Amino acid sequence: MAALLLAGCERPEPDAKEVDAGNPLEVAARERGVVRADAASPVGVFERRHDLGRDAMCVVPDGAGKWRFAITASFGTTLSCLATGTMVREGDSWRMRFAGAEGCEALVHEEEDELRLPGRLPPQCARLCPNGASLSGLRLPRASWSADDAEGLRITDQGGNIVRPCAG
């Protein structure tokens, strides 16, 4: 009996490619971002809450092999960053190009369902955040793989208004 139990422990993990994408439950899970789609894509929501507030990012498709994003980072009740831009695939990572800051780019990667910005951004990126704040080193856990969730993400802009920056 013990041999049978132990034999079950050596069973390989199910192959994600064997999942029946035609199954209505699988389709619903993928649409809601509960199950990761096979394609490598940054689409979805990345979010972290902490003592100083909330950091969040939404990513939506923006044409073939391109994505559009909005990212916010909170450094307390009166200091935050809000940036937008585009992304393209570059090897195993994504190249983020920030709007309104010519030359401000970052190569980011997702590791263990966490998007990681580099610890140092180009000097051109300083204009993204007020009062010396920075997006450098920001880490955001993935909250969803759903484009619908990304489009619905609400964040506060610099004027204190609630906006949906990734909405159509």
N, C-alpha and C. Protein backbone atom coordinates (compact mmCIF):
# COMPACT_ATOMS: atom_id res chain seq x y z
N MET A 1 0.82 -1.20 0.00
CA MET A 1 0.00 0.00 0.00
C MET A 1 0.86 1.26 0.00
N ALA A 2 1.89 1.28 0.87
CA ALA A 2 2.78 2.44 0.93
C ALA A 2 3.49 2.66 -0.39
N ALA A 3 3.82 1.57 -1.08
CA ALA A 3 4.50 1.69 -2.38
C ALA A 3 3.59 2.40 -3.39
N LEU A 4 2.31 2.11 -3.34
CA LEU A 4 1.37 2.77 -4.26
C LEU A 4 1.26 4.26 -3.96
N LEU A 5 1.24 4.61 -2.69
CA LEU A 5 1.17 6.02 -2.32
C LEU A 5 2.41 6.77 -2.77
N LEU A 6 3.58 6.18 -2.57
CA LEU A 6 4.82 6.81 -2.97
C LEU A 6 4.94 6.90 -4.48
N ALA A 7 4.43 5.93 -5.19
CA ALA A 7 4.48 5.96 -6.66
C ALA A 7 3.71 7.16 -7.19
N GLY A 8 2.63 7.52 -6.52
CA GLY A 8 1.85 8.68 -6.94
C GLY A 8 2.61 9.98 -6.76
N CYS A 9 3.59 10.01 -5.84
CA CYS A 9 4.38 11.22 -5.62
C CYS A 9 5.32 11.52 -6.77
N GLU A 10 5.67 10.51 -7.55
CA GLU A 10 6.61 10.69 -8.64
C GLU A 10 5.91 11.07 -9.95
N ARG A 11 4.64 11.21 -9.92
CA ARG A 11 3.90 11.54 -11.12
C ARG A 11 4.27 12.94 -11.58
N PRO A 12 4.57 13.13 -12.88
CA PRO A 12 4.96 14.46 -13.36
C PRO A 12 3.78 15.42 -13.32
N GLU A 13 4.12 16.70 -13.25
CA GLU A 13 3.10 17.74 -13.28
C GLU A 13 2.36 17.69 -14.61
N PRO A 14 1.07 17.99 -14.65
CA PRO A 14 0.37 18.00 -15.92
C PRO A 14 0.95 19.06 -16.85
N ASP A 15 1.03 18.74 -18.10
CA ASP A 15 1.55 19.67 -19.11
C ASP A 15 0.47 20.69 -19.43
N ALA A 16 0.80 21.97 -19.32
CA ALA A 16 -0.17 23.04 -19.57
C ALA A 16 -0.69 22.99 -20.99
N LYS A 17 0.10 22.44 -21.92
CA LYS A 17 -0.34 22.37 -23.32
C LYS A 17 -1.44 21.34 -23.51
N GLU A 18 -1.61 20.43 -22.53
CA GLU A 18 -2.64 19.41 -22.63
C GLU A 18 -4.01 19.92 -22.17
N VAL A 19 -4.07 21.13 -21.68
CA VAL A 19 -5.33 21.68 -21.19
C VAL A 19 -6.27 21.89 -22.37
N ASP A 20 -7.51 21.49 -22.22
CA ASP A 20 -8.50 21.62 -23.28
C ASP A 20 -9.02 23.05 -23.32
N ALA A 21 -8.49 23.84 -24.25
CA ALA A 21 -8.89 25.24 -24.36
C ALA A 21 -10.34 25.39 -24.80
N GLY A 22 -10.95 24.30 -25.31
CA GLY A 22 -12.35 24.35 -25.71
C GLY A 22 -13.30 24.11 -24.55
N ASN A 23 -12.76 23.74 -23.41
CA ASN A 23 -13.56 23.49 -22.23
C ASN A 23 -14.10 24.83 -21.71
N PRO A 24 -15.41 24.95 -21.52
CA PRO A 24 -15.98 26.24 -21.08
C PRO A 24 -15.41 26.73 -19.74
N LEU A 25 -15.09 25.82 -18.81
CA LEU A 25 -14.50 26.24 -17.55
C LEU A 25 -13.10 26.80 -17.76
N GLU A 26 -12.32 26.15 -18.63
CA GLU A 26 -10.97 26.63 -18.93
C GLU A 26 -11.02 28.00 -19.59
N VAL A 27 -11.92 28.15 -20.55
CA VAL A 27 -12.07 29.43 -21.25
C VAL A 27 -12.44 30.53 -20.26
N ALA A 28 -13.39 30.26 -19.38
CA ALA A 28 -13.83 31.25 -18.39
C ALA A 28 -12.67 31.60 -17.44
N ALA A 29 -11.92 30.59 -17.02
CA ALA A 29 -10.79 30.84 -16.11
C ALA A 29 -9.74 31.71 -16.78
N ARG A 30 -9.46 31.46 -18.05
CA ARG A 30 -8.47 32.27 -18.77
C ARG A 30 -8.98 33.70 -18.97
N GLU A 31 -10.26 33.85 -19.29
CA GLU A 31 -10.81 35.19 -19.50
C GLU A 31 -10.77 36.01 -18.22
N ARG A 32 -10.93 35.38 -17.07
CA ARG A 32 -10.90 36.09 -15.79
C ARG A 32 -9.49 36.22 -15.23
N GLY A 33 -8.52 35.62 -15.93
CA GLY A 33 -7.15 35.73 -15.47
C GLY A 33 -6.79 34.78 -14.35
N VAL A 34 -7.62 33.76 -14.11
CA VAL A 34 -7.34 32.80 -13.05
C VAL A 34 -6.27 31.81 -13.51
N VAL A 35 -6.31 31.44 -14.80
CA VAL A 35 -5.34 30.51 -15.38
C VAL A 35 -4.56 31.26 -16.43
N ARG A 36 -3.27 31.11 -16.40
CA ARG A 36 -2.39 31.81 -17.35
C ARG A 36 -2.51 31.20 -18.74
N ALA A 37 -2.66 32.04 -19.72
CA ALA A 37 -2.68 31.60 -21.11
C ALA A 37 -1.28 31.14 -21.50
N ASP A 38 -1.19 30.28 -22.53
CA ASP A 38 0.10 29.74 -22.95
C ASP A 38 1.01 30.80 -23.54
N ALA A 39 0.45 31.79 -24.23
CA ALA A 39 1.27 32.80 -24.91
C ALA A 39 1.97 33.69 -23.89
N ALA A 40 3.21 34.00 -24.17
CA ALA A 40 3.96 34.92 -23.31
C ALA A 40 3.50 36.34 -23.62
N SER A 41 2.80 36.94 -22.69
CA SER A 41 2.24 38.27 -22.90
C SER A 41 2.22 39.02 -21.58
N PRO A 42 2.48 40.32 -21.61
CA PRO A 42 2.41 41.09 -20.38
C PRO A 42 1.01 41.57 -20.03
N VAL A 43 0.01 41.24 -20.83
CA VAL A 43 -1.35 41.74 -20.62
C VAL A 43 -1.87 41.35 -19.25
N GLY A 44 -2.47 42.32 -18.58
CA GLY A 44 -3.09 42.07 -17.29
C GLY A 44 -2.83 43.18 -16.30
N VAL A 45 -2.92 42.83 -15.03
CA VAL A 45 -2.75 43.78 -13.94
C VAL A 45 -1.64 43.29 -13.02
N PHE A 46 -0.79 44.20 -12.62
CA PHE A 46 0.26 43.95 -11.62
C PHE A 46 -0.02 44.92 -10.49
N GLU A 47 0.02 44.44 -9.24
CA GLU A 47 -0.39 45.33 -8.15
C GLU A 47 0.22 44.90 -6.83
N ARG A 48 0.57 45.91 -6.02
CA ARG A 48 1.07 45.66 -4.67
C ARG A 48 0.55 46.78 -3.76
N ARG A 49 0.02 46.38 -2.60
CA ARG A 49 -0.37 47.34 -1.57
C ARG A 49 0.68 47.30 -0.47
N HIS A 50 1.00 48.47 0.08
CA HIS A 50 2.01 48.56 1.12
C HIS A 50 1.67 49.70 2.06
N ASP A 51 2.50 49.92 3.08
CA ASP A 51 2.22 50.93 4.11
C ASP A 51 2.07 52.33 3.53
N LEU A 52 2.75 52.62 2.41
CA LEU A 52 2.70 53.97 1.84
C LEU A 52 1.60 54.13 0.79
N GLY A 53 0.89 53.07 0.46
CA GLY A 53 -0.18 53.16 -0.53
C GLY A 53 -0.25 51.94 -1.43
N ARG A 54 -0.38 52.20 -2.73
CA ARG A 54 -0.59 51.13 -3.69
C ARG A 54 0.22 51.41 -4.95
N ASP A 55 0.92 50.40 -5.44
CA ASP A 55 1.60 50.47 -6.73
C ASP A 55 0.82 49.56 -7.66
N ALA A 56 0.60 50.00 -8.89
CA ALA A 56 -0.19 49.19 -9.81
C ALA A 56 0.21 49.49 -11.25
N MET A 57 -0.03 48.49 -12.10
CA MET A 57 0.25 48.65 -13.52
C MET A 57 -0.77 47.85 -14.30
N CYS A 58 -1.28 48.44 -15.37
CA CYS A 58 -2.16 47.73 -16.28
C CYS A 58 -1.47 47.68 -17.65
N VAL A 59 -1.68 46.57 -18.37
CA VAL A 59 -1.10 46.39 -19.70
C VAL A 59 -2.18 45.82 -20.61
N VAL A 60 -2.37 46.46 -21.77
CA VAL A 60 -3.36 46.01 -22.76
C VAL A 60 -2.70 45.93 -24.13
N PRO A 61 -3.25 45.10 -25.02
CA PRO A 61 -2.70 45.01 -26.38
C PRO A 61 -2.80 46.35 -27.10
N ASP A 62 -1.82 46.61 -27.98
CA ASP A 62 -1.80 47.85 -28.76
C ASP A 62 -1.29 47.55 -30.17
N GLY A 63 -1.82 46.50 -30.78
CA GLY A 63 -1.38 46.07 -32.10
C GLY A 63 -0.55 44.81 -32.00
N ALA A 64 -0.13 44.31 -33.13
CA ALA A 64 0.64 43.06 -33.18
C ALA A 64 2.00 43.23 -32.52
N GLY A 65 2.23 42.46 -31.46
CA GLY A 65 3.52 42.48 -30.78
C GLY A 65 3.80 43.75 -30.01
N LYS A 66 2.77 44.55 -29.73
CA LYS A 66 2.93 45.79 -28.97
C LYS A 66 1.87 45.85 -27.88
N TRP A 67 2.21 46.52 -26.80
CA TRP A 67 1.28 46.71 -25.70
C TRP A 67 1.38 48.14 -25.19
N ARG A 68 0.32 48.56 -24.55
CA ARG A 68 0.25 49.89 -23.94
C ARG A 68 0.11 49.68 -22.43
N PHE A 69 0.76 50.55 -21.64
CA PHE A 69 0.71 50.38 -20.20
C PHE A 69 0.51 51.72 -19.49
N ALA A 70 0.07 51.61 -18.24
CA ALA A 70 0.04 52.73 -17.30
C ALA A 70 0.52 52.17 -15.98
N ILE A 71 1.35 52.95 -15.29
CA ILE A 71 1.92 52.49 -14.04
C ILE A 71 1.86 53.61 -13.02
N THR A 72 1.56 53.25 -11.79
CA THR A 72 1.54 54.23 -10.71
C THR A 72 2.28 53.64 -9.51
N ALA A 73 2.97 54.50 -8.81
CA ALA A 73 3.67 54.09 -7.59
C ALA A 73 3.40 55.15 -6.52
N SER A 74 3.08 54.69 -5.34
CA SER A 74 2.75 55.59 -4.24
C SER A 74 3.88 55.63 -3.23
N PHE A 75 4.21 56.86 -2.80
CA PHE A 75 5.25 57.06 -1.81
C PHE A 75 4.70 57.80 -0.60
N GLY A 76 3.44 57.57 -0.31
CA GLY A 76 2.75 58.24 0.79
C GLY A 76 1.50 58.91 0.28
N THR A 77 0.84 59.64 1.16
CA THR A 77 -0.45 60.24 0.79
C THR A 77 -0.32 61.41 -0.16
N THR A 78 0.83 62.05 -0.23
CA THR A 78 0.96 63.24 -1.08
C THR A 78 1.96 63.09 -2.22
N LEU A 79 2.64 61.95 -2.33
CA LEU A 79 3.65 61.79 -3.36
C LEU A 79 3.43 60.49 -4.12
N SER A 80 3.26 60.61 -5.44
CA SER A 80 3.10 59.42 -6.27
C SER A 80 3.60 59.71 -7.68
N CYS A 81 3.84 58.64 -8.42
CA CYS A 81 4.22 58.72 -9.83
C CYS A 81 3.11 58.12 -10.66
N LEU A 82 2.90 58.66 -11.83
CA LEU A 82 1.98 58.08 -12.80
C LEU A 82 2.63 58.22 -14.15
N ALA A 83 2.84 57.10 -14.83
CA ALA A 83 3.49 57.12 -16.13
C ALA A 83 2.75 56.19 -17.08
N THR A 84 2.83 56.50 -18.36
CA THR A 84 2.22 55.68 -19.40
C THR A 84 3.27 55.44 -20.48
N GLY A 85 2.96 54.51 -21.38
CA GLY A 85 3.87 54.27 -22.48
C GLY A 85 3.52 53.01 -23.23
N THR A 86 4.51 52.49 -23.96
CA THR A 86 4.31 51.30 -24.77
C THR A 86 5.38 50.26 -24.42
N MET A 87 5.07 49.02 -24.77
CA MET A 87 5.99 47.91 -24.52
C MET A 87 6.11 47.06 -25.77
N VAL A 88 7.29 46.48 -25.97
CA VAL A 88 7.51 45.49 -27.02
C VAL A 88 8.33 44.35 -26.41
N ARG A 89 8.21 43.19 -27.02
CA ARG A 89 8.97 42.02 -26.56
C ARG A 89 10.42 42.19 -26.97
N GLU A 90 11.34 41.86 -26.07
CA GLU A 90 12.76 41.88 -26.38
C GLU A 90 13.40 40.68 -25.67
N GLY A 91 13.62 39.61 -26.42
CA GLY A 91 14.13 38.38 -25.83
C GLY A 91 13.14 37.82 -24.83
N ASP A 92 13.59 37.56 -23.61
CA ASP A 92 12.73 37.05 -22.55
C ASP A 92 12.12 38.17 -21.72
N SER A 93 12.33 39.41 -22.14
CA SER A 93 11.88 40.57 -21.36
C SER A 93 11.00 41.46 -22.23
N TRP A 94 10.61 42.61 -21.66
CA TRP A 94 9.84 43.61 -22.38
C TRP A 94 10.56 44.95 -22.28
N ARG A 95 10.58 45.66 -23.38
CA ARG A 95 11.17 47.01 -23.41
C ARG A 95 10.03 47.99 -23.20
N MET A 96 10.09 48.73 -22.07
CA MET A 96 9.09 49.77 -21.77
C MET A 96 9.64 51.10 -22.26
N ARG A 97 8.82 51.83 -23.01
CA ARG A 97 9.16 53.18 -23.44
C ARG A 97 8.12 54.11 -22.83
N PHE A 98 8.61 55.05 -22.03
CA PHE A 98 7.72 55.94 -21.30
C PHE A 98 7.36 57.16 -22.13
N ALA A 99 6.08 57.48 -22.18
CA ALA A 99 5.60 58.66 -22.92
C ALA A 99 5.99 59.93 -22.16
N GLY A 100 6.30 60.99 -22.92
CA GLY A 100 6.58 62.28 -22.32
C GLY A 100 7.96 62.41 -21.72
N ALA A 101 8.82 61.42 -21.92
CA ALA A 101 10.19 61.47 -21.39
C ALA A 101 11.11 60.83 -22.43
N GLU A 102 11.43 61.59 -23.45
CA GLU A 102 12.26 61.10 -24.55
C GLU A 102 13.52 60.42 -24.03
N GLY A 103 13.78 59.19 -24.48
CA GLY A 103 14.95 58.45 -24.06
C GLY A 103 14.77 57.66 -22.78
N CYS A 104 13.61 57.76 -22.17
CA CYS A 104 13.34 57.00 -20.95
C CYS A 104 12.79 55.64 -21.33
N GLU A 105 13.63 54.63 -21.21
CA GLU A 105 13.26 53.25 -21.53
C GLU A 105 13.78 52.34 -20.42
N ALA A 106 13.14 51.20 -20.27
CA ALA A 106 13.59 50.22 -19.29
C ALA A 106 13.31 48.83 -19.82
N LEU A 107 14.25 47.94 -19.63
CA LEU A 107 14.06 46.54 -19.96
C LEU A 107 13.58 45.86 -18.68
N VAL A 108 12.36 45.35 -18.71
CA VAL A 108 11.76 44.73 -17.52
C VAL A 108 11.51 43.26 -17.81
N HIS A 109 11.45 42.49 -16.76
CA HIS A 109 11.14 41.08 -16.93
C HIS A 109 10.17 40.62 -15.85
N GLU A 110 9.50 39.53 -16.17
CA GLU A 110 8.58 38.94 -15.21
C GLU A 110 9.24 37.67 -14.68
N GLU A 111 9.37 37.62 -13.38
CA GLU A 111 9.99 36.47 -12.74
C GLU A 111 9.08 36.01 -11.62
N GLU A 112 8.69 34.75 -11.67
CA GLU A 112 7.79 34.18 -10.67
C GLU A 112 6.55 35.05 -10.50
N ASP A 113 5.94 35.41 -11.63
CA ASP A 113 4.71 36.23 -11.64
C ASP A 113 4.88 37.58 -10.96
N GLU A 114 6.05 38.15 -11.07
CA GLU A 114 6.31 39.48 -10.54
C GLU A 114 7.08 40.27 -11.61
N LEU A 115 6.55 41.43 -11.97
CA LEU A 115 7.22 42.29 -12.94
C LEU A 115 8.27 43.11 -12.19
N ARG A 116 9.49 43.13 -12.72
CA ARG A 116 10.59 43.79 -12.02
C ARG A 116 11.22 44.86 -12.91
N LEU A 117 11.16 46.10 -12.45
CA LEU A 117 11.86 47.18 -13.12
C LEU A 117 13.30 47.21 -12.64
N PRO A 118 14.21 47.68 -13.48
CA PRO A 118 15.61 47.71 -13.06
C PRO A 118 15.83 48.67 -11.90
N GLY A 119 16.89 48.42 -11.15
CA GLY A 119 17.23 49.24 -9.99
C GLY A 119 17.71 50.63 -10.36
N ARG A 120 18.05 50.83 -11.61
CA ARG A 120 18.51 52.14 -12.07
C ARG A 120 17.88 52.42 -13.43
N LEU A 121 17.22 53.57 -13.54
CA LEU A 121 16.62 54.01 -14.80
C LEU A 121 17.47 55.12 -15.40
N PRO A 122 17.38 55.33 -16.71
CA PRO A 122 18.14 56.43 -17.34
C PRO A 122 17.77 57.78 -16.72
N PRO A 123 18.68 58.76 -16.75
CA PRO A 123 18.40 60.09 -16.18
C PRO A 123 17.17 60.75 -16.80
N GLN A 124 16.86 60.43 -18.05
CA GLN A 124 15.69 61.02 -18.72
C GLN A 124 14.38 60.63 -18.01
N CYS A 125 14.42 59.58 -17.21
CA CYS A 125 13.22 59.12 -16.51
C CYS A 125 12.90 59.94 -15.26
N ALA A 126 13.81 60.82 -14.86
CA ALA A 126 13.60 61.61 -13.64
C ALA A 126 12.33 62.45 -13.73
N ARG A 127 11.92 62.84 -14.93
CA ARG A 127 10.72 63.67 -15.06
C ARG A 127 9.41 62.91 -14.86
N LEU A 128 9.49 61.58 -14.74
CA LEU A 128 8.28 60.78 -14.54
C LEU A 128 7.68 60.99 -13.15
N CYS A 129 8.53 61.25 -12.17
CA CYS A 129 8.08 61.35 -10.79
C CYS A 129 8.52 62.67 -10.18
N PRO A 130 7.69 63.28 -9.35
CA PRO A 130 8.06 64.55 -8.69
C PRO A 130 8.96 64.34 -7.49
N ASN A 131 9.61 65.39 -7.07
CA ASN A 131 10.37 65.46 -5.81
C ASN A 131 11.36 64.33 -5.59
N GLY A 132 12.04 63.92 -6.64
CA GLY A 132 13.08 62.90 -6.49
C GLY A 132 12.59 61.48 -6.35
N ALA A 133 11.30 61.24 -6.40
CA ALA A 133 10.78 59.88 -6.35
C ALA A 133 11.15 59.18 -7.66
N SER A 134 11.09 57.85 -7.67
CA SER A 134 11.50 57.12 -8.86
C SER A 134 10.77 55.79 -8.96
N LEU A 135 10.64 55.30 -10.19
CA LEU A 135 10.08 53.97 -10.43
C LEU A 135 11.18 52.90 -10.39
N SER A 136 12.42 53.29 -10.18
CA SER A 136 13.55 52.36 -10.14
C SER A 136 13.32 51.27 -9.11
N GLY A 137 13.59 50.03 -9.51
CA GLY A 137 13.51 48.91 -8.58
C GLY A 137 12.11 48.47 -8.21
N LEU A 138 11.10 49.05 -8.83
CA LEU A 138 9.72 48.70 -8.51
C LEU A 138 9.45 47.23 -8.86
N ARG A 139 8.80 46.54 -7.96
CA ARG A 139 8.41 45.14 -8.17
C ARG A 139 6.91 45.04 -7.99
N LEU A 140 6.27 44.47 -8.98
CA LEU A 140 4.81 44.37 -8.95
C LEU A 140 4.36 42.93 -9.20
N PRO A 141 3.73 42.28 -8.22
CA PRO A 141 3.21 40.93 -8.43
C PRO A 141 2.04 40.95 -9.41
N ARG A 142 1.95 39.92 -10.21
CA ARG A 142 0.84 39.83 -11.16
C ARG A 142 -0.44 39.52 -10.39
N ALA A 143 -1.47 40.29 -10.68
CA ALA A 143 -2.78 40.08 -10.06
C ALA A 143 -3.75 39.44 -11.04
N SER A 144 -3.50 39.61 -12.35
CA SER A 144 -4.42 39.08 -13.36
C SER A 144 -3.74 39.01 -14.72
N TRP A 145 -4.18 38.08 -15.55
CA TRP A 145 -3.74 37.99 -16.94
C TRP A 145 -4.83 38.48 -17.87
N SER A 146 -5.84 39.13 -17.37
CA SER A 146 -7.02 39.52 -18.13
C SER A 146 -6.93 40.95 -18.67
N ALA A 147 -7.18 41.10 -19.97
CA ALA A 147 -7.23 42.43 -20.58
C ALA A 147 -8.41 43.22 -20.03
N ASP A 148 -9.52 42.53 -19.73
CA ASP A 148 -10.69 43.22 -19.16
C ASP A 148 -10.34 43.82 -17.79
N ASP A 149 -9.63 43.06 -16.97
CA ASP A 149 -9.21 43.58 -15.67
C ASP A 149 -8.28 44.77 -15.85
N ALA A 150 -7.35 44.67 -16.83
CA ALA A 150 -6.42 45.78 -17.09
C ALA A 150 -7.18 47.03 -17.50
N GLU A 151 -8.16 46.88 -18.39
CA GLU A 151 -8.95 48.03 -18.83
C GLU A 151 -9.76 48.63 -17.70
N GLY A 152 -10.14 47.82 -16.73
CA GLY A 152 -10.95 48.30 -15.62
C GLY A 152 -10.15 48.84 -14.43
N LEU A 153 -8.82 48.70 -14.47
CA LEU A 153 -8.02 49.16 -13.34
C LEU A 153 -8.19 50.66 -13.12
N ARG A 154 -8.51 51.02 -11.89
CA ARG A 154 -8.70 52.43 -11.53
C ARG A 154 -7.53 52.90 -10.68
N ILE A 155 -6.99 54.05 -11.07
CA ILE A 155 -5.91 54.66 -10.30
C ILE A 155 -6.19 56.14 -10.15
N THR A 156 -5.49 56.76 -9.24
CA THR A 156 -5.66 58.19 -9.00
C THR A 156 -4.58 58.95 -9.77
N ASP A 157 -4.99 59.94 -10.56
CA ASP A 157 -4.01 60.73 -11.31
C ASP A 157 -3.46 61.85 -10.42
N GLN A 158 -2.53 62.66 -10.98
CA GLN A 158 -1.91 63.73 -10.18
C GLN A 158 -2.91 64.77 -9.69
N GLY A 159 -4.03 64.88 -10.37
CA GLY A 159 -5.06 65.84 -9.96
C GLY A 159 -6.01 65.29 -8.91
N GLY A 160 -5.81 64.03 -8.48
CA GLY A 160 -6.68 63.43 -7.50
C GLY A 160 -7.91 62.78 -8.09
N ASN A 161 -8.01 62.72 -9.42
CA ASN A 161 -9.16 62.10 -10.09
C ASN A 161 -8.93 60.61 -10.27
N ILE A 162 -10.00 59.84 -10.15
CA ILE A 162 -9.94 58.41 -10.41
C ILE A 162 -10.06 58.21 -11.92
N VAL A 163 -9.07 57.53 -12.52
CA VAL A 163 -9.06 57.31 -13.98
C VAL A 163 -8.84 55.84 -14.28
N ARG A 164 -9.18 55.45 -15.49
CA ARG A 164 -8.93 54.11 -16.00
C ARG A 164 -8.00 54.26 -17.21
N PRO A 165 -6.69 54.35 -16.99
CA PRO A 165 -5.76 54.68 -18.05
C PRO A 165 -5.59 53.64 -19.14
N CYS A 166 -5.97 52.39 -18.88
CA CYS A 166 -5.83 51.36 -19.91
C CYS A 166 -7.15 51.07 -20.62
N ALA A 167 -8.19 51.81 -20.28
CA ALA A 167 -9.48 51.59 -20.93
C ALA A 167 -9.39 52.01 -22.40
N GLY A 168 -10.14 51.28 -23.25
CA GLY A 168 -10.17 51.49 -24.69
C GLY A 168 -10.12 52.89 -25.08
